[in-house]
Amino acid sequence: MTSTQSSILNMTCPLTGKPVTELEEPVRSVECKHIYEKRIIMQHIKSSNRCPISGGSLTSDKLHIPSASLRCPKKLRADRVVQDALLLIEIEELRKMNKKKLKWKTLLSLMKTIDD
């Protein structure tokens, strides 16, 4: 694993549900570092300045804390959601890593089939 892969906070756009590796125009918030599809996050910012990240798989009932506490507290501004130079490199590294995982899964599946 390279050092850049660890800086991708969310693997899917919280607004589209698409994996970040499939976004047409990925952008990252300078404030909270979350990644979004540019066109969709710009529409979101027009109606709300809050980051749409809601805390992922964490649930407030299991943690016994208010659900608002699970949200990203950062506010978004259109001029602070950008395609920084490192983002495209990080996404490309993630794509390569995913391809390697897929090859290994396929190989293991074939080996299991042969053993059966």
C-alpha atoms as a PDB file:
ATOM      1  CA  MET A   1       0.000   0.000   0.000  1.00  0.00           C
ATOM      2  CA  THR A   2       1.338   3.429  -0.863  1.00  0.00           C
ATOM      3  CA  SER A   3       1.199   6.502   1.315  1.00  0.00           C
ATOM      4  CA  THR A   4      -1.290   8.275  -0.943  1.00  0.00           C
ATOM      5  CA  GLN A   5      -3.968   5.578  -0.684  1.00  0.00           C
ATOM      6  CA  SER A   6      -4.468   6.285   2.981  1.00  0.00           C
ATOM      7  CA  SER A   7      -5.600   9.851   2.299  1.00  0.00           C
ATOM      8  CA  ILE A   8      -8.790   8.808   0.488  1.00  0.00           C
ATOM      9  CA  LEU A   9     -11.365   9.134   3.255  1.00  0.00           C
ATOM     10  CA  ASN A  10     -14.475   7.928   1.449  1.00  0.00           C
ATOM     11  CA  MET A  11     -14.524   5.183  -1.159  1.00  0.00           C
ATOM     12  CA  THR A  12     -17.869   6.281  -2.612  1.00  0.00           C
ATOM     13  CA  CYS A  13     -19.422   9.656  -3.327  1.00  0.00           C
ATOM     14  CA  PRO A  14     -21.997  10.188  -0.564  1.00  0.00           C
ATOM     15  CA  LEU A  15     -24.393  11.854  -2.994  1.00  0.00           C
ATOM     16  CA  THR A  16     -24.228   9.527  -6.008  1.00  0.00           C
ATOM     17  CA  GLY A  17     -23.144   6.279  -4.361  1.00  0.00           C
ATOM     18  CA  LYS A  18     -20.556   5.779  -7.114  1.00  0.00           C
ATOM     19  CA  PRO A  19     -17.104   4.500  -6.168  1.00  0.00           C
ATOM     20  CA  VAL A  20     -14.560   7.339  -6.316  1.00  0.00           C
ATOM     21  CA  THR A  21     -12.730   5.336  -8.992  1.00  0.00           C
ATOM     22  CA  GLU A  22     -15.762   5.760 -11.281  1.00  0.00           C
ATOM     23  CA  LEU A  23     -16.422   9.483 -10.791  1.00  0.00           C
ATOM     24  CA  GLU A  24     -16.334  11.528 -14.002  1.00  0.00           C
ATOM     25  CA  GLU A  25     -14.994  14.675 -12.351  1.00  0.00           C
ATOM     26  CA  PRO A  26     -13.850  13.926  -8.794  1.00  0.00           C
ATOM     27  CA  VAL A  27     -13.244  16.810  -6.410  1.00  0.00           C
ATOM     28  CA  ARG A  28     -12.151  16.971  -2.783  1.00  0.00           C
ATOM     29  CA  SER A  29     -13.169  19.372  -0.049  1.00  0.00           C
ATOM     30  CA  VAL A  30     -10.198  21.371   1.182  1.00  0.00           C
ATOM     31  CA  GLU A  31     -11.876  21.520   4.604  1.00  0.00           C
ATOM     32  CA  CYS A  32     -12.857  17.917   5.357  1.00  0.00           C
ATOM     33  CA  LYS A  33     -11.018  15.993   2.577  1.00  0.00           C
ATOM     34  CA  HIS A  34     -14.137  14.087   1.445  1.00  0.00           C
ATOM     35  CA  ILE A  35     -14.414  13.270  -2.272  1.00  0.00           C
ATOM     36  CA  TYR A  36     -17.470  13.972  -4.441  1.00  0.00           C
ATOM     37  CA  GLU A  37     -18.677  14.117  -8.051  1.00  0.00           C
ATOM     38  CA  LYS A  38     -18.165  17.810  -8.912  1.00  0.00           C
ATOM     39  CA  ARG A  39     -21.481  18.528 -10.638  1.00  0.00           C
ATOM     40  CA  ILE A  40     -23.499  16.905  -7.850  1.00  0.00           C
ATOM     41  CA  ILE A  41     -21.649  18.495  -4.918  1.00  0.00           C
ATOM     42  CA  MET A  42     -21.974  21.941  -6.525  1.00  0.00           C
ATOM     43  CA  GLN A  43     -25.748  21.408  -6.714  1.00  0.00           C
ATOM     44  CA  HIS A  44     -25.729  20.288  -3.081  1.00  0.00           C
ATOM     45  CA  ILE A  45     -23.809  23.390  -1.966  1.00  0.00           C
ATOM     46  CA  LYS A  46     -26.496  25.611  -3.513  1.00  0.00           C
ATOM     47  CA  SER A  47     -29.089  24.191  -1.115  1.00  0.00           C
ATOM     48  CA  SER A  48     -26.905  23.290   1.881  1.00  0.00           C
ATOM     49  CA  ASN A  49     -23.398  24.199   2.936  1.00  0.00           C
ATOM     50  CA  ARG A  50     -23.012  21.104   5.122  1.00  0.00           C
ATOM     51  CA  CYS A  51     -20.841  18.162   4.181  1.00  0.00           C
ATOM     52  CA  PRO A  52     -23.193  15.298   3.210  1.00  0.00           C
ATOM     53  CA  ILE A  53     -21.090  12.635   4.957  1.00  0.00           C
ATOM     54  CA  SER A  54     -23.348  11.131   7.598  1.00  0.00           C
ATOM     55  CA  GLY A  55     -21.065   8.819   9.534  1.00  0.00           C
ATOM     56  CA  GLY A  56     -21.086   5.772   7.284  1.00  0.00           C
ATOM     57  CA  SER A  57     -22.096   2.498   8.883  1.00  0.00           C
ATOM     58  CA  LEU A  58     -22.118   3.939  12.387  1.00  0.00           C
ATOM     59  CA  THR A  59     -25.576   4.257  13.878  1.00  0.00           C
ATOM     60  CA  SER A  60     -26.513   6.529  16.722  1.00  0.00           C
ATOM     61  CA  ASP A  61     -28.798   3.959  18.394  1.00  0.00           C
ATOM     62  CA  LYS A  62     -25.903   1.499  18.759  1.00  0.00           C
ATOM     63  CA  LEU A  63     -23.536   4.155  20.060  1.00  0.00           C
ATOM     64  CA  HIS A  64     -26.084   5.919  22.279  1.00  0.00           C
ATOM     65  CA  ILE A  65     -25.142   9.353  20.959  1.00  0.00           C
ATOM     66  CA  PRO A  66     -27.171  11.881  18.962  1.00  0.00           C
ATOM     67  CA  SER A  67     -27.135  11.119  15.216  1.00  0.00           C
ATOM     68  CA  ALA A  68     -26.102  14.708  14.478  1.00  0.00           C
ATOM     69  CA  SER A  69     -22.802  13.926  16.217  1.00  0.00           C
ATOM     70  CA  LEU A  70     -22.000  11.336  13.539  1.00  0.00           C
ATOM     71  CA  ARG A  71     -22.113  13.871  10.730  1.00  0.00           C
ATOM     72  CA  CYS A  72     -19.055  15.596   9.335  1.00  0.00           C
ATOM     73  CA  PRO A  73     -19.150  19.021  10.998  1.00  0.00           C
ATOM     74  CA  LYS A  74     -17.448  20.866   8.142  1.00  0.00           C
ATOM     75  CA  LYS A  75     -19.159  23.448   5.983  1.00  0.00           C
ATOM     76  CA  LEU A  76     -18.577  23.420   2.245  1.00  0.00           C
ATOM     77  CA  ARG A  77     -17.906  26.296  -0.126  1.00  0.00           C
ATOM     78  CA  ALA A  78     -17.801  25.966  -3.903  1.00  0.00           C
ATOM     79  CA  ASP A  79     -14.370  27.600  -4.080  1.00  0.00           C
ATOM     80  CA  ARG A  80     -12.991  25.122  -1.508  1.00  0.00           C
ATOM     81  CA  VAL A  81     -14.090  21.929  -3.299  1.00  0.00           C
ATOM     82  CA  VAL A  82     -11.349  21.298  -5.849  1.00  0.00           C
ATOM     83  CA  GLN A  83      -9.568  18.727  -7.965  1.00  0.00           C
ATOM     84  CA  ASP A  84      -6.193  19.000  -6.263  1.00  0.00           C
ATOM     85  CA  ALA A  85      -3.093  17.663  -8.004  1.00  0.00           C
ATOM     86  CA  LEU A  86      -2.768  14.631  -5.770  1.00  0.00           C
ATOM     87  CA  LEU A  87      -6.396  13.485  -6.036  1.00  0.00           C
ATOM     88  CA  LEU A  88      -6.159  12.047  -9.544  1.00  0.00           C
ATOM     89  CA  ILE A  89      -2.939  10.216  -8.632  1.00  0.00           C
ATOM     90  CA  GLU A  90      -4.552   8.731  -5.517  1.00  0.00           C
ATOM     91  CA  ILE A  91      -7.603   7.596  -7.470  1.00  0.00           C
ATOM     92  CA  GLU A  92      -5.431   5.996 -10.159  1.00  0.00           C
ATOM     93  CA  GLU A  93      -3.461   4.121  -7.482  1.00  0.00           C
ATOM     94  CA  LEU A  94      -6.743   2.919  -5.985  1.00  0.00           C
ATOM     95  CA  ARG A  95      -7.870   1.672  -9.424  1.00  0.00           C
ATOM     96  CA  LYS A  96      -4.623  -0.278  -9.832  1.00  0.00           C
ATOM     97  CA  MET A  97      -4.953  -1.760  -6.358  1.00  0.00           C
ATOM     98  CA  ASN A  98      -8.556  -2.806  -7.079  1.00  0.00           C
ATOM     99  CA  LYS A  99      -7.470  -4.506 -10.327  1.00  0.00           C
ATOM    100  CA  LYS A 100      -4.812  -6.478  -8.450  1.00  0.00           C
ATOM    101  CA  LYS A 101      -7.372  -7.562  -5.847  1.00  0.00           C
ATOM    102  CA  LEU A 102      -9.753  -8.674  -8.595  1.00  0.00           C
ATOM    103  CA  LYS A 103      -7.017 -10.744 -10.266  1.00  0.00           C
ATOM    104  CA  TRP A 104      -6.220 -12.463  -6.957  1.00  0.00           C
ATOM    105  CA  LYS A 105      -9.894 -13.151  -6.244  1.00  0.00           C
ATOM    106  CA  THR A 106     -10.309 -14.635  -9.717  1.00  0.00           C
ATOM    107  CA  LEU A 107      -7.210 -16.783  -9.305  1.00  0.00           C
ATOM    108  CA  LEU A 108      -8.320 -18.027  -5.881  1.00  0.00           C
ATOM    109  CA  SER A 109     -11.780 -18.790  -7.230  1.00  0.00           C
ATOM    110  CA  LEU A 110     -10.290 -20.811 -10.093  1.00  0.00           C
ATOM    111  CA  MET A 111      -8.031 -22.703  -7.705  1.00  0.00           C
ATOM    112  CA  LYS A 112     -10.992 -23.525  -5.479  1.00  0.00           C
ATOM    113  CA  THR A 113     -12.963 -24.764  -8.490  1.00  0.00           C
ATOM    114  CA  ILE A 114     -10.080 -27.036  -9.491  1.00  0.00           C
ATOM    115  CA  ASP A 115      -9.803 -28.413  -5.936  1.00  0.00           C
ATOM    116  CA  ASP A 116     -13.525 -29.208  -5.830  1.00  0.00           C
END
